[in-house]
N, C-alpha and C. Protein backbone atom coordinates (compact mmCIF):
# COMPACT_ATOMS: atom_id res chain seq x y z
N UNK A 1 -13.65 3.96 -22.67
CA UNK A 1 -12.59 2.82 -22.71
C UNK A 1 -11.20 3.21 -23.26
N UNK A 2 -11.43 4.20 -24.34
CA UNK A 2 -10.41 4.27 -25.00
C UNK A 2 -9.17 5.32 -24.06
N UNK A 3 -9.97 6.25 -23.08
CA UNK A 3 -9.11 6.93 -22.00
C UNK A 3 -8.60 5.71 -21.05
N UNK A 4 -8.81 4.78 -20.50
CA UNK A 4 -7.90 3.78 -20.26
C UNK A 4 -7.20 3.20 -20.87
N UNK A 5 -7.49 2.65 -22.14
CA UNK A 5 -6.29 2.67 -22.68
C UNK A 5 -5.22 3.32 -23.25
N UNK A 6 -5.37 4.30 -23.04
CA UNK A 6 -4.55 5.69 -23.72
C UNK A 6 -4.20 5.75 -21.90
N UNK A 7 -4.42 5.60 -20.73
CA UNK A 7 -3.32 5.91 -19.68
C UNK A 7 -2.59 4.12 -19.36
N UNK A 8 -3.37 3.25 -19.60
CA UNK A 8 -2.06 2.21 -20.12
C UNK A 8 -0.82 2.30 -20.66
N UNK A 9 -1.21 2.98 -21.74
CA UNK A 9 0.01 2.99 -22.80
C UNK A 9 0.93 3.80 -22.06
N UNK A 10 0.46 4.86 -21.62
CA UNK A 10 1.04 5.96 -20.90
C UNK A 10 1.95 5.54 -19.86
N UNK A 11 1.23 4.77 -18.76
CA UNK A 11 2.02 4.06 -17.38
C UNK A 11 2.58 2.86 -17.93
N UNK A 12 2.39 2.27 -18.94
CA UNK A 12 3.32 1.03 -19.67
C UNK A 12 4.80 1.99 -20.02
N UNK A 13 4.75 3.02 -21.02
CA UNK A 13 6.11 3.41 -20.93
C UNK A 13 6.63 4.11 -19.83
N UNK A 14 5.93 4.84 -19.17
CA UNK A 14 6.61 5.48 -17.88
C UNK A 14 7.35 4.59 -16.97
N UNK A 15 6.42 3.34 -16.87
CA UNK A 15 7.26 2.05 -16.24
C UNK A 15 8.79 1.64 -17.31
N UNK A 16 8.81 1.25 -18.42
CA UNK A 16 9.95 1.37 -18.97
C UNK A 16 11.01 2.09 -19.00
N UNK A 17 10.50 3.63 -19.19
CA UNK A 17 11.22 4.57 -18.75
C UNK A 17 12.13 4.40 -17.94
N UNK A 18 11.21 4.59 -16.23
CA UNK A 18 12.28 5.05 -15.28
C UNK A 18 13.08 3.53 -15.24
N UNK A 19 12.63 2.43 -15.49
CA UNK A 19 13.34 1.18 -15.17
C UNK A 19 14.68 0.96 -16.24
N UNK A 20 14.70 1.68 -17.51
CA UNK A 20 15.66 1.63 -18.17
C UNK A 20 16.66 2.54 -17.52
N UNK A 21 16.16 4.08 -17.26
CA UNK A 21 16.97 4.98 -16.22
C UNK A 21 17.59 4.02 -15.46
N UNK A 22 16.96 3.44 -14.71
CA UNK A 22 17.21 2.70 -12.92
C UNK A 22 18.57 1.74 -13.77
N UNK A 23 18.50 1.07 -14.55
CA UNK A 23 19.27 0.11 -14.65
C UNK A 23 20.45 1.01 -15.20
N UNK A 24 20.65 2.10 -15.91
CA UNK A 24 22.14 3.00 -16.03
C UNK A 24 22.53 3.48 -14.87
N UNK A 25 21.39 4.09 -13.67
CA UNK A 25 22.16 4.53 -12.54
C UNK A 25 22.94 3.35 -11.87
N UNK A 26 21.97 2.41 -11.61
CA UNK A 26 22.81 1.04 -11.20
C UNK A 26 24.29 0.62 -11.66
N UNK A 27 24.43 0.88 -13.22
CA UNK A 27 25.71 0.54 -13.80
C UNK A 27 26.60 1.14 -13.84
N UNK A 28 26.27 2.65 -13.55
CA UNK A 28 26.93 3.69 -13.20
C UNK A 28 27.49 3.65 -11.28
N UNK A 29 26.70 2.79 -10.57
CA UNK A 29 26.94 2.61 -9.08
C UNK A 29 26.61 3.87 -8.38
N UNK A 30 25.52 4.37 -9.19
CA UNK A 30 24.49 5.15 -8.31
C UNK A 30 23.33 4.53 -7.77
N UNK A 31 23.67 4.09 -6.68
CA UNK A 31 22.54 2.97 -5.98
C UNK A 31 21.40 3.70 -5.86
N UNK A 32 21.49 4.98 -4.88
CA UNK A 32 20.37 6.00 -4.58
C UNK A 32 19.45 6.22 -5.73
N UNK A 33 20.06 6.88 -6.71
CA UNK A 33 18.92 7.20 -7.95
C UNK A 33 18.80 6.08 -8.40
N UNK A 34 19.10 4.71 -8.50
CA UNK A 34 18.88 3.73 -9.39
C UNK A 34 17.42 3.22 -8.50
N UNK A 35 17.62 3.23 -6.82
CA UNK A 35 16.36 2.58 -6.56
C UNK A 35 15.51 3.89 -6.49
N UNK A 36 15.41 4.93 -6.22
CA UNK A 36 14.41 5.90 -6.38
C UNK A 36 13.90 5.73 -7.92
N UNK A 37 14.56 5.97 -8.97
CA UNK A 37 14.27 5.18 -10.37
C UNK A 37 13.23 3.87 -10.19
N UNK A 38 13.95 3.23 -9.58
CA UNK A 38 12.94 2.08 -9.77
C UNK A 38 11.79 1.54 -8.72
N UNK A 39 11.87 2.53 -7.91
CA UNK A 39 10.59 2.46 -7.16
C UNK A 39 9.35 3.27 -8.03
N UNK A 40 9.98 4.12 -8.71
CA UNK A 40 8.82 5.10 -9.71
C UNK A 40 8.16 4.32 -10.80
N UNK A 41 9.36 3.01 -11.36
CA UNK A 41 9.07 2.00 -12.45
C UNK A 41 7.91 0.96 -11.43
N UNK A 42 8.33 0.90 -10.49
CA UNK A 42 7.30 -0.27 -9.50
C UNK A 42 5.85 0.31 -9.42
N UNK A 43 5.71 1.61 -9.54
CA UNK A 43 4.56 2.68 -9.01
C UNK A 43 4.07 2.85 -10.35
N UNK A 44 4.66 2.69 -11.11
CA UNK A 44 4.00 2.96 -12.46
C UNK A 44 3.56 1.57 -13.29
N UNK A 45 3.92 0.99 -12.99
CA UNK A 45 3.74 -0.45 -13.18
C UNK A 45 2.79 -0.99 -12.33
N UNK A 46 2.12 -0.69 -10.99
CA UNK A 46 1.24 -1.21 -10.11
C UNK A 46 0.08 -0.27 -10.57
N UNK A 47 0.31 0.75 -11.11
CA UNK A 47 -0.82 1.99 -11.71
C UNK A 47 -1.53 1.18 -13.34
N UNK A 48 -0.74 0.86 -13.95
CA UNK A 48 -1.13 0.10 -15.14
C UNK A 48 -1.77 -0.91 -15.04
N UNK A 49 -1.31 -1.87 -13.71
CA UNK A 49 -2.04 -3.11 -13.96
C UNK A 49 -3.55 -2.69 -13.30
N UNK A 50 -3.51 -1.85 -12.19
CA UNK A 50 -4.96 -1.47 -11.73
C UNK A 50 -6.00 -0.68 -13.16
N UNK A 51 -5.34 -0.52 -13.85
CA UNK A 51 -6.07 0.19 -15.03
C UNK A 51 -6.58 -0.85 -16.06
N UNK A 52 -5.54 -2.10 -16.01
CA UNK A 52 -6.06 -2.98 -16.79
C UNK A 52 -7.03 -3.75 -16.30
N UNK A 53 -7.18 -3.78 -14.85
CA UNK A 53 -8.14 -4.26 -14.32
C UNK A 53 -9.53 -3.72 -14.49
N UNK A 54 -9.53 -2.18 -14.37
CA UNK A 54 -10.45 -1.46 -14.79
C UNK A 54 -10.90 -1.54 -16.54
N UNK A 55 -10.10 -2.10 -16.92
CA UNK A 55 -10.70 -2.13 -18.50
C UNK A 55 -11.11 -3.36 -18.76
N UNK A 56 -10.10 -4.40 -17.99
CA UNK A 56 -10.89 -5.68 -18.28
C UNK A 56 -12.37 -5.93 -17.37
N UNK A 57 -12.68 -5.06 -16.32
CA UNK A 57 -14.08 -5.06 -15.63
C UNK A 57 -14.99 -4.41 -16.42
N UNK A 58 -14.69 -3.35 -17.29
CA UNK A 58 -15.35 -2.51 -17.93
C UNK A 58 -15.69 -3.62 -19.34
N UNK A 59 -15.07 -4.12 -19.80
CA UNK A 59 -15.00 -4.96 -20.94
C UNK A 59 -16.32 -6.16 -20.77
N UNK A 60 -16.32 -6.74 -19.79
CA UNK A 60 -17.28 -7.84 -19.34
C UNK A 60 -18.22 -7.05 -19.02
N UNK A 61 -18.47 -5.72 -18.52
CA UNK A 61 -19.95 -5.39 -18.13
C UNK A 61 -20.16 -4.81 -19.21
N UNK A 62 -19.52 -4.37 -20.41
CA UNK A 62 -20.45 -4.37 -21.30
C UNK A 62 -20.83 -5.48 -22.99
N UNK A 63 -20.29 -6.61 -22.14
CA UNK A 63 -20.58 -7.70 -23.07
C UNK A 63 -21.96 -8.00 -21.83
N UNK A 64 -21.83 -8.07 -21.32
CA UNK A 64 -22.83 -7.99 -20.47
C UNK A 64 -24.34 -7.20 -20.88
N UNK A 65 -24.12 -5.96 -21.07
CA UNK A 65 -24.91 -5.73 -21.19
C UNK A 65 -25.55 -5.56 -23.02
N UNK A 66 -24.71 -5.87 -23.71
CA UNK A 66 -24.85 -5.77 -25.50
C UNK A 66 -25.30 -7.19 -25.62
C-alpha cells in the first residue's frame, strides 16, 4: 500500500504542476501549449483517481481479512 500511496502523491503533484504551467501558458495567450499541458494534467488526475480506487479496494480487502 505504501507504493500506491507514493504513486498517488506523485500523480497529484504532476497534476498540480501541469495545471499551473497550463494557467501560465493561457495567461501568455499560448493556447496550444496551454491545451497540451491541461491534457497532461487531466491524464495525471485520472491516473491519481484510479490509484485512489485501488488503495480503497486494498484497504477494504485488508479490513475483511484482519
